[in-house]
Amino acid sequence: LLSLLQKWAVVTLSASSSLGCVCCLLALAASVGLTLGSEGRALLAPCTHIARDCPFDPTRVYVSPGGLGVP
């Protein structure tokens, strides 16, 4: 009985993980599509020389610790 319950738990977790992955991929595809469709203007629209509310800093290079060779 425990083995059967563990198998169903793995199947359930795998299915929910796959569903979450598909949702993330769809959101990423929509984001890339909107960005390419507006030629990037939508990303920089709230950015002005005075305002500090840009969604990101286009002049900054983002590097993860993994990219630096740190395990």
N, C-alpha and C. Protein backbone atom coordinates (compact mmCIF):
# COMPACT_ATOMS: atom_id res chain seq x y z
N LEU A 1 0.83 -1.20 0.00
CA LEU A 1 0.00 0.00 0.00
C LEU A 1 0.87 1.26 0.00
N LEU A 2 1.95 1.25 0.79
CA LEU A 2 2.83 2.41 0.86
C LEU A 2 3.52 2.66 -0.48
N SER A 3 3.93 1.58 -1.15
CA SER A 3 4.58 1.72 -2.44
C SER A 3 3.63 2.33 -3.48
N LEU A 4 2.39 1.91 -3.47
CA LEU A 4 1.40 2.46 -4.39
C LEU A 4 1.14 3.94 -4.09
N LEU A 5 1.08 4.28 -2.82
CA LEU A 5 0.87 5.67 -2.43
C LEU A 5 2.05 6.55 -2.85
N GLN A 6 3.26 6.02 -2.72
CA GLN A 6 4.44 6.77 -3.13
C GLN A 6 4.45 6.99 -4.64
N LYS A 7 4.05 5.97 -5.39
CA LYS A 7 4.00 6.11 -6.85
C LYS A 7 3.02 7.18 -7.26
N TRP A 8 1.84 7.22 -6.63
CA TRP A 8 0.85 8.23 -6.96
C TRP A 8 1.32 9.62 -6.54
N ALA A 9 2.05 9.69 -5.44
CA ALA A 9 2.58 10.98 -5.01
C ALA A 9 3.60 11.50 -6.03
N VAL A 10 4.44 10.61 -6.53
CA VAL A 10 5.43 11.00 -7.54
C VAL A 10 4.74 11.42 -8.83
N VAL A 11 3.73 10.69 -9.24
CA VAL A 11 2.99 11.04 -10.46
C VAL A 11 2.30 12.40 -10.29
N THR A 12 1.70 12.63 -9.14
CA THR A 12 1.01 13.89 -8.88
C THR A 12 1.99 15.06 -8.86
N LEU A 13 3.12 14.89 -8.17
CA LEU A 13 4.11 15.96 -8.13
C LEU A 13 4.72 16.22 -9.51
N SER A 14 4.94 15.16 -10.25
CA SER A 14 5.48 15.31 -11.60
C SER A 14 4.50 16.05 -12.51
N ALA A 15 3.24 15.70 -12.43
CA ALA A 15 2.23 16.36 -13.25
C ALA A 15 2.09 17.83 -12.89
N SER A 16 2.09 18.14 -11.60
CA SER A 16 1.97 19.54 -11.20
C SER A 16 3.22 20.33 -11.58
N SER A 17 4.37 19.71 -11.49
CA SER A 17 5.61 20.36 -11.91
C SER A 17 5.60 20.62 -13.41
N SER A 18 5.14 19.66 -14.18
CA SER A 18 5.06 19.84 -15.63
C SER A 18 4.08 20.94 -15.99
N LEU A 19 2.97 21.02 -15.31
CA LEU A 19 1.99 22.07 -15.56
C LEU A 19 2.58 23.44 -15.24
N GLY A 20 3.29 23.54 -14.13
CA GLY A 20 3.95 24.80 -13.79
C GLY A 20 4.98 25.19 -14.82
N CYS A 21 5.72 24.22 -15.33
CA CYS A 21 6.73 24.48 -16.35
C CYS A 21 6.09 24.98 -17.64
N VAL A 22 5.00 24.38 -18.03
CA VAL A 22 4.30 24.81 -19.24
C VAL A 22 3.77 26.23 -19.07
N CYS A 23 3.25 26.55 -17.89
CA CYS A 23 2.76 27.91 -17.65
C CYS A 23 3.90 28.92 -17.73
N CYS A 24 5.05 28.59 -17.16
CA CYS A 24 6.21 29.49 -17.22
C CYS A 24 6.69 29.67 -18.66
N LEU A 25 6.71 28.59 -19.43
CA LEU A 25 7.13 28.69 -20.83
C LEU A 25 6.17 29.54 -21.65
N LEU A 26 4.88 29.41 -21.38
CA LEU A 26 3.90 30.23 -22.10
C LEU A 26 4.05 31.71 -21.73
N ALA A 27 4.28 31.99 -20.46
CA ALA A 27 4.48 33.37 -20.03
C ALA A 27 5.75 33.95 -20.64
N LEU A 28 6.80 33.15 -20.69
CA LEU A 28 8.05 33.61 -21.29
C LEU A 28 7.86 33.87 -22.78
N ALA A 29 7.16 32.98 -23.47
CA ALA A 29 6.91 33.17 -24.90
C ALA A 29 6.08 34.43 -25.15
N ALA A 30 5.08 34.68 -24.30
CA ALA A 30 4.27 35.88 -24.45
C ALA A 30 5.11 37.13 -24.20
N SER A 31 5.96 37.08 -23.20
CA SER A 31 6.82 38.23 -22.89
C SER A 31 7.79 38.52 -24.02
N VAL A 32 8.41 37.48 -24.56
CA VAL A 32 9.34 37.66 -25.67
C VAL A 32 8.58 38.17 -26.90
N GLY A 33 7.41 37.64 -27.15
CA GLY A 33 6.61 38.08 -28.28
C GLY A 33 6.21 39.54 -28.17
N LEU A 34 5.78 39.97 -26.99
CA LEU A 34 5.41 41.37 -26.79
C LEU A 34 6.62 42.28 -26.91
N THR A 35 7.76 41.83 -26.41
CA THR A 35 8.97 42.64 -26.50
C THR A 35 9.43 42.78 -27.94
N LEU A 36 9.44 41.68 -28.67
CA LEU A 36 9.85 41.76 -30.07
C LEU A 36 8.84 42.51 -30.90
N GLY A 37 7.57 42.37 -30.56
CA GLY A 37 6.52 43.07 -31.30
C GLY A 37 6.61 44.58 -31.15
N SER A 38 7.02 45.04 -29.98
CA SER A 38 7.14 46.48 -29.76
C SER A 38 8.57 46.97 -29.94
N GLU A 39 9.44 46.09 -30.40
CA GLU A 39 10.86 46.38 -30.61
C GLU A 39 11.54 46.90 -29.35
N GLY A 40 11.09 46.41 -28.20
CA GLY A 40 11.71 46.76 -26.93
C GLY A 40 11.25 48.08 -26.33
N ARG A 41 10.38 48.80 -27.02
CA ARG A 41 9.94 50.10 -26.51
C ARG A 41 9.09 49.96 -25.25
N ALA A 42 8.35 48.86 -25.11
CA ALA A 42 7.50 48.68 -23.94
C ALA A 42 8.33 48.51 -22.68
N LEU A 43 9.52 47.94 -22.80
CA LEU A 43 10.37 47.77 -21.63
C LEU A 43 10.91 49.09 -21.12
N LEU A 44 11.25 49.98 -22.04
CA LEU A 44 11.86 51.24 -21.66
C LEU A 44 10.87 52.39 -21.55
N ALA A 45 9.58 52.12 -21.76
CA ALA A 45 8.57 53.17 -21.73
C ALA A 45 8.53 53.93 -20.40
N PRO A 46 8.58 53.27 -19.24
CA PRO A 46 8.54 54.03 -17.99
C PRO A 46 9.86 54.70 -17.65
N CYS A 47 10.91 54.46 -18.42
CA CYS A 47 12.22 55.01 -18.12
C CYS A 47 12.38 56.40 -18.71
N THR A 48 12.76 57.33 -17.88
CA THR A 48 13.12 58.66 -18.33
C THR A 48 14.45 59.02 -17.69
N HIS A 49 15.01 60.14 -18.06
CA HIS A 49 16.27 60.54 -17.46
C HIS A 49 16.08 61.00 -16.03
N ILE A 50 14.87 61.39 -15.67
CA ILE A 50 14.60 61.89 -14.32
C ILE A 50 14.05 60.79 -13.44
N ALA A 51 13.12 59.99 -13.97
CA ALA A 51 12.45 58.95 -13.17
C ALA A 51 13.39 57.80 -12.89
N ARG A 52 13.21 57.20 -11.75
CA ARG A 52 14.03 56.05 -11.34
C ARG A 52 13.21 54.76 -11.30
N ASP A 53 12.07 54.72 -11.96
CA ASP A 53 11.20 53.56 -11.87
C ASP A 53 11.29 52.66 -13.09
N CYS A 54 12.50 52.45 -13.62
CA CYS A 54 12.69 51.53 -14.73
C CYS A 54 12.53 50.09 -14.22
N PRO A 55 11.97 49.20 -15.03
CA PRO A 55 11.84 47.81 -14.59
C PRO A 55 13.20 47.12 -14.47
N PHE A 56 14.22 47.65 -15.10
CA PHE A 56 15.56 47.10 -15.00
C PHE A 56 16.55 48.19 -15.37
N ASP A 57 17.79 47.98 -15.07
CA ASP A 57 18.84 48.93 -15.42
C ASP A 57 19.50 48.45 -16.70
N PRO A 58 19.25 49.10 -17.85
CA PRO A 58 19.80 48.61 -19.12
C PRO A 58 21.32 48.75 -19.21
N THR A 59 21.93 49.48 -18.29
CA THR A 59 23.38 49.65 -18.34
C THR A 59 24.12 48.67 -17.45
N ARG A 60 23.41 47.89 -16.66
CA ARG A 60 24.03 46.98 -15.71
C ARG A 60 24.17 45.59 -16.30
N VAL A 61 25.28 44.94 -16.01
CA VAL A 61 25.50 43.56 -16.44
C VAL A 61 25.18 42.66 -15.26
N TYR A 62 24.23 41.77 -15.44
CA TYR A 62 23.82 40.87 -14.37
C TYR A 62 24.57 39.55 -14.52
N VAL A 63 25.27 39.15 -13.47
CA VAL A 63 26.02 37.91 -13.50
C VAL A 63 25.65 37.10 -12.27
N SER A 64 25.34 35.84 -12.47
CA SER A 64 25.03 34.97 -11.35
C SER A 64 26.32 34.38 -10.79
N PRO A 65 26.29 33.94 -9.54
CA PRO A 65 27.50 33.32 -8.97
C PRO A 65 27.95 32.10 -9.78
N GLY A 66 27.01 31.39 -10.39
CA GLY A 66 27.39 30.25 -11.23
C GLY A 66 28.18 30.67 -12.45
N GLY A 67 27.90 31.88 -12.95
CA GLY A 67 28.64 32.38 -14.10
C GLY A 67 30.04 32.80 -13.75
N LEU A 68 30.31 32.99 -12.48
CA LEU A 68 31.65 33.38 -12.03
C LEU A 68 32.51 32.18 -11.69
N GLY A 69 31.98 31.00 -11.83
CA GLY A 69 32.73 29.79 -11.51
C GLY A 69 32.65 29.40 -10.06
N VAL A 70 31.73 30.02 -9.30
CA VAL A 70 31.55 29.68 -7.89
C VAL A 70 30.55 28.54 -7.82
N PRO A 71 30.93 27.42 -7.19
CA PRO A 71 29.98 26.31 -7.14
C PRO A 71 28.81 26.57 -6.20
